[in-house]
Amino acid sequence: QVQLVESGGGLVQPGGSLTLSCEVSGGSVTGWGLGWYRQPPGKQRDFVADATTYGATMYADSVKGRFTISRDNAKNTVYLQMKSLKPEDTAVYYCTYFRYNSRYWGQGTQVTVSS
């Protein structure tokens, strides 16, 4: 079955950088969208960024200019490069793999931005 495994989360100081990775197994990412959502403590899960199989990208306004999503279809992997991190970026980050009415989620990886 399809599985998504995120990695790369951790503790970082404000202004720092982190890169998250998510590898998809059990299915090809070709023809599927890949993206990231995040859920801050006590809040709902919100959209962060996604990338179509053709490379088109979309970002939440709160991360535009700071985060970059990219995908390597040969490795079945999507990345989220995060720069200029702020305390309000603290959240569990979830990878998602989707097409039409099908959507799969990873287990999440914690990102904490704190001094």
Protein backbone atom coordinates (compact mmCIF):
# COMPACT_ATOMS: atom_id res chain seq x y z
CA GLN A 1 0.00 0.00 0.00
CA VAL A 2 1.01 3.63 -0.33
CA GLN A 3 3.16 4.98 2.46
CA LEU A 4 4.67 8.43 2.96
CA VAL A 5 7.61 8.90 5.31
CA GLU A 6 8.73 12.40 6.29
CA SER A 7 12.12 13.32 7.71
CA GLY A 8 14.20 16.40 8.47
CA GLY A 9 12.23 18.03 11.24
CA GLY A 10 13.80 19.33 14.43
CA LEU A 11 14.58 22.34 16.58
CA VAL A 12 15.91 25.47 14.89
CA GLN A 13 16.49 29.04 16.01
CA PRO A 14 14.50 31.92 14.53
CA GLY A 15 16.01 32.95 11.21
CA GLY A 16 17.37 29.47 10.64
CA SER A 17 16.72 26.92 7.91
CA LEU A 18 15.53 23.34 7.62
CA THR A 19 14.76 21.04 4.72
CA LEU A 20 12.04 18.42 5.02
CA SER A 21 11.91 15.33 2.85
CA CYS A 22 9.06 12.92 2.13
CA GLU A 23 9.51 9.64 0.30
CA VAL A 24 6.52 7.88 -1.22
CA SER A 25 6.51 4.09 -1.45
CA GLY A 26 3.94 1.71 -2.88
CA GLY A 27 3.13 3.90 -5.86
CA SER A 28 4.64 6.18 -8.49
CA VAL A 29 4.45 9.94 -7.98
CA THR A 30 4.17 10.53 -11.73
CA GLY A 31 0.75 12.00 -12.42
CA TRP A 32 0.15 12.75 -8.74
CA GLY A 33 0.39 15.99 -6.84
CA LEU A 34 2.71 16.26 -3.84
CA GLY A 35 2.44 18.78 -1.07
CA TRP A 36 2.88 19.86 2.51
CA TYR A 37 0.46 20.91 5.22
CA ARG A 38 1.16 21.88 8.81
CA GLN A 39 -0.69 21.81 12.11
CA PRO A 40 0.39 24.19 14.88
CA PRO A 41 -0.35 23.20 18.49
CA GLY A 42 -4.08 23.46 19.19
CA LYS A 43 -4.93 24.57 15.66
CA GLN A 44 -6.22 23.03 12.46
CA ARG A 45 -4.10 21.56 9.70
CA ASP A 46 -3.41 24.16 7.02
CA PHE A 47 -2.02 24.15 3.49
CA VAL A 48 1.63 25.12 3.06
CA ALA A 49 2.65 24.28 -0.51
CA ASP A 50 2.13 21.82 -3.32
CA ALA A 51 3.64 20.86 -6.66
CA THR A 52 1.95 19.20 -9.61
CA THR A 53 3.60 16.45 -11.60
CA TYR A 54 4.37 19.09 -14.25
CA GLY A 55 6.23 21.28 -11.76
CA ALA A 56 3.66 24.00 -11.13
CA THR A 57 3.78 25.16 -7.51
CA MET A 58 1.50 26.95 -5.08
CA TYR A 59 2.27 28.42 -1.67
CA ALA A 60 0.36 29.74 1.29
CA ASP A 61 0.80 33.50 1.62
CA SER A 62 2.46 33.05 5.01
CA VAL A 63 5.40 31.14 3.53
CA LYS A 64 5.84 32.76 0.10
CA GLY A 65 9.42 33.88 -0.45
CA ARG A 66 10.69 31.77 2.47
CA PHE A 67 9.73 28.18 1.61
CA THR A 68 10.44 26.28 -1.60
CA ILE A 69 8.82 23.00 -2.61
CA SER A 70 10.52 20.70 -5.06
CA ARG A 71 10.09 17.12 -6.19
CA ASP A 72 12.32 14.40 -7.59
CA ASN A 73 10.06 12.01 -9.46
CA ALA A 74 12.88 9.53 -10.00
CA LYS A 75 13.30 9.24 -6.23
CA ASN A 76 9.55 9.42 -5.45
CA THR A 77 10.42 12.25 -3.09
CA VAL A 78 9.17 15.75 -2.34
CA TYR A 79 11.14 18.35 -0.41
CA LEU A 80 10.30 21.51 1.48
CA GLN A 81 13.17 23.93 1.91
CA MET A 82 12.39 26.38 4.70
CA LYS A 83 14.39 29.56 5.29
CA SER A 84 14.03 32.56 7.58
CA LEU A 85 12.03 30.45 9.97
CA LYS A 86 9.80 32.17 12.52
CA PRO A 87 8.36 30.93 15.83
CA GLU A 88 4.94 30.88 14.18
CA ASP A 89 6.23 28.23 11.76
CA THR A 90 6.30 25.80 14.68
CA ALA A 91 4.03 22.89 13.78
CA VAL A 92 3.80 19.26 12.80
CA TYR A 93 4.43 19.16 9.05
CA TYR A 94 2.59 16.56 6.98
CA CYS A 95 3.41 15.38 3.49
CA THR A 96 0.52 14.58 1.16
CA TYR A 97 0.18 12.68 -2.14
CA PHE A 98 -3.00 13.30 -4.09
CA ARG A 99 -4.89 12.93 -7.32
CA TYR A 100 -8.57 13.56 -8.03
CA ASN A 101 -10.46 12.22 -4.98
CA SER A 102 -7.55 10.22 -3.56
CA ARG A 103 -5.25 11.64 -0.90
CA TYR A 104 -2.66 10.02 1.31
CA TRP A 105 -0.83 11.47 4.33
CA GLY A 106 2.44 10.91 6.08
CA GLN A 107 2.74 10.56 9.85
CA GLY A 108 4.14 14.07 10.27
CA THR A 109 7.41 15.55 11.44
CA GLN A 110 7.78 18.15 14.18
CA VAL A 111 9.38 21.50 13.40
CA THR A 112 10.05 23.77 16.37
CA VAL A 113 11.37 27.30 15.90
CA SER A 114 12.63 28.66 19.19
CA SER A 115 15.60 30.36 20.74
